[in-house]
Amino acid sequence: MISTEERIELSVTRIFKAVFPDSTNHYDTLFGGTAMFLMDEVAFMTATRFSRKKVVTVSSNRIDFTIPIPAGTIIELVGKVAHVGNTSIQVLVEIFIEEMYSDVREKAITGTFTFVAVDENKKPVKIGE
């Protein structure tokens, strides 16, 4: 049987995206709503890969935007399970900026999202079942 720690490592989810002008704001940086959408999507995939259950987002606990993400960069979103409850899973998502034509890479955004596992009637179910 696989341990929780092994399941967490196996469920780490990474997605890369190029930041094009159609996803930026009037400052030519990634629109915050777009970043949050992408983060929730990666968190959802991470929670699903960990639990192999139907999950729904119940909260975004905190999102810190520390560095603006300019157009013309590559971003990597990394989701990792941070906490497993009885019916809920908390996922940490970090967004890293990579310049396209150099080795510069830095963390820009960090956020946590909480999901609840649900059955076909949308009632909470235990993660381990």
Foldseek 3Di string as FASTA:
>chain_A
DDDLVRLQVVLKDKDKDAAAQVQDDPVQFGDPVVVVVVQVVSQLSSLCSSQVFHKDWDDWDDKDFADTHHHQWMKMKIKTFDDFDFFKTKIKIWIWTQHPPDRDIDTGMIIIIMMGGADPVRHGHGSVD
